[in-house]
Amino acid sequence: MATGKKTGGRQAGTPNIVTTELRQVLKQILAKEYSGIPQLLDKLEPKDRLDMIVKLSKYVMPTVEAVHFKEDEPLSWTL
């Protein structure tokens, strides 16, 4: 039994072939479906459309973290 030493398997930094192939297949599927997204959104009910837009937006817009006030922090600021 190995005691903290790598004795086989992939070398460090070598990509996993299955993962690489799966990503390529998923990219092809997404590329085909990409142009049809607006038409699919138009078919949804407004509530579902908004929900889908919110879910998709995280892939194109940075996530904003919530702001937390500290105890000594003022509640209003002058500009």
Protein backbone atom coordinates (compact mmCIF):
# COMPACT_ATOMS: atom_id res chain seq x y z
CA MET A 1 0.00 0.00 0.00
CA ALA A 2 1.29 3.48 -0.87
CA THR A 3 2.25 5.75 1.98
CA GLY A 4 1.60 9.21 0.55
CA LYS A 5 3.50 8.56 -2.67
CA LYS A 6 1.86 8.38 -6.07
CA THR A 7 2.46 4.90 -7.48
CA GLY A 8 0.40 4.94 -10.68
CA GLY A 9 -2.39 6.56 -12.64
CA ARG A 10 -2.21 9.77 -14.63
CA GLN A 11 0.71 12.12 -14.27
CA ALA A 12 -0.04 15.39 -12.49
CA GLY A 13 -1.48 17.92 -14.94
CA THR A 14 -2.57 15.32 -17.50
CA PRO A 15 -6.20 15.95 -18.50
CA ASN A 16 -8.80 13.24 -18.00
CA ILE A 17 -9.76 11.93 -21.48
CA VAL A 18 -13.39 11.18 -20.57
CA THR A 19 -13.89 14.65 -19.11
CA THR A 20 -12.31 16.27 -22.17
CA GLU A 21 -14.51 14.30 -24.57
CA LEU A 22 -17.64 15.01 -22.52
CA ARG A 23 -16.93 18.74 -22.54
CA GLN A 24 -16.47 18.69 -26.32
CA VAL A 25 -19.81 16.91 -26.81
CA LEU A 26 -21.58 19.35 -24.48
CA LYS A 27 -20.05 22.33 -26.31
CA GLN A 28 -21.37 20.97 -29.62
CA ILE A 29 -24.85 20.48 -28.18
CA LEU A 30 -24.90 23.98 -26.68
CA ALA A 31 -23.61 25.53 -29.92
CA LYS A 32 -26.52 23.94 -31.83
CA GLU A 33 -29.11 25.10 -29.28
CA TYR A 34 -27.68 28.60 -28.77
CA SER A 35 -29.41 30.24 -31.74
CA GLY A 36 -32.83 28.85 -30.70
CA ILE A 37 -32.81 30.27 -27.16
CA PRO A 38 -34.73 33.50 -28.00
CA GLN A 39 -37.53 31.54 -29.70
CA LEU A 40 -37.75 29.13 -26.76
CA LEU A 41 -37.93 32.04 -24.30
CA ASP A 42 -40.76 33.64 -26.33
CA LYS A 43 -42.84 30.47 -25.88
CA LEU A 44 -42.58 30.56 -22.07
CA GLU A 45 -45.03 32.20 -19.70
CA PRO A 46 -43.71 35.55 -18.35
CA LYS A 47 -42.95 34.08 -14.91
CA ASP A 48 -41.03 31.15 -16.41
CA ARG A 49 -39.27 33.43 -18.92
CA LEU A 50 -38.03 35.70 -16.12
CA ASP A 51 -36.90 32.69 -14.09
CA MET A 52 -34.92 31.34 -17.04
CA ILE A 53 -33.33 34.73 -17.78
CA VAL A 54 -32.23 35.02 -14.14
CA LYS A 55 -30.73 31.52 -14.27
CA LEU A 56 -28.88 32.21 -17.53
CA SER A 57 -27.64 35.65 -16.47
CA LYS A 58 -25.11 34.20 -14.02
CA TYR A 59 -23.14 32.95 -17.02
CA VAL A 60 -22.69 36.43 -18.52
CA MET A 61 -22.78 38.78 -15.53
CA PRO A 62 -20.56 38.76 -12.45
CA THR A 63 -22.18 37.72 -9.18
CA VAL A 64 -22.68 40.55 -6.73
CA GLU A 65 -22.33 39.78 -3.05
CA ALA A 66 -24.76 41.08 -0.46
CA VAL A 67 -23.68 44.12 1.54
CA HIS A 68 -23.55 43.68 5.31
CA PHE A 69 -23.51 46.63 7.66
CA LYS A 70 -21.14 46.70 10.59
CA GLU A 71 -22.23 47.93 13.98
CA ASP A 72 -20.16 51.16 13.86
CA GLU A 73 -20.98 51.93 10.23
CA PRO A 74 -23.27 54.91 9.45
CA LEU A 75 -26.63 54.16 7.85
CA SER A 76 -26.39 57.09 5.42
CA TRP A 77 -23.57 58.78 3.56
CA THR A 78 -23.27 62.23 2.04
CA LEU A 79 -22.05 62.41 -1.52
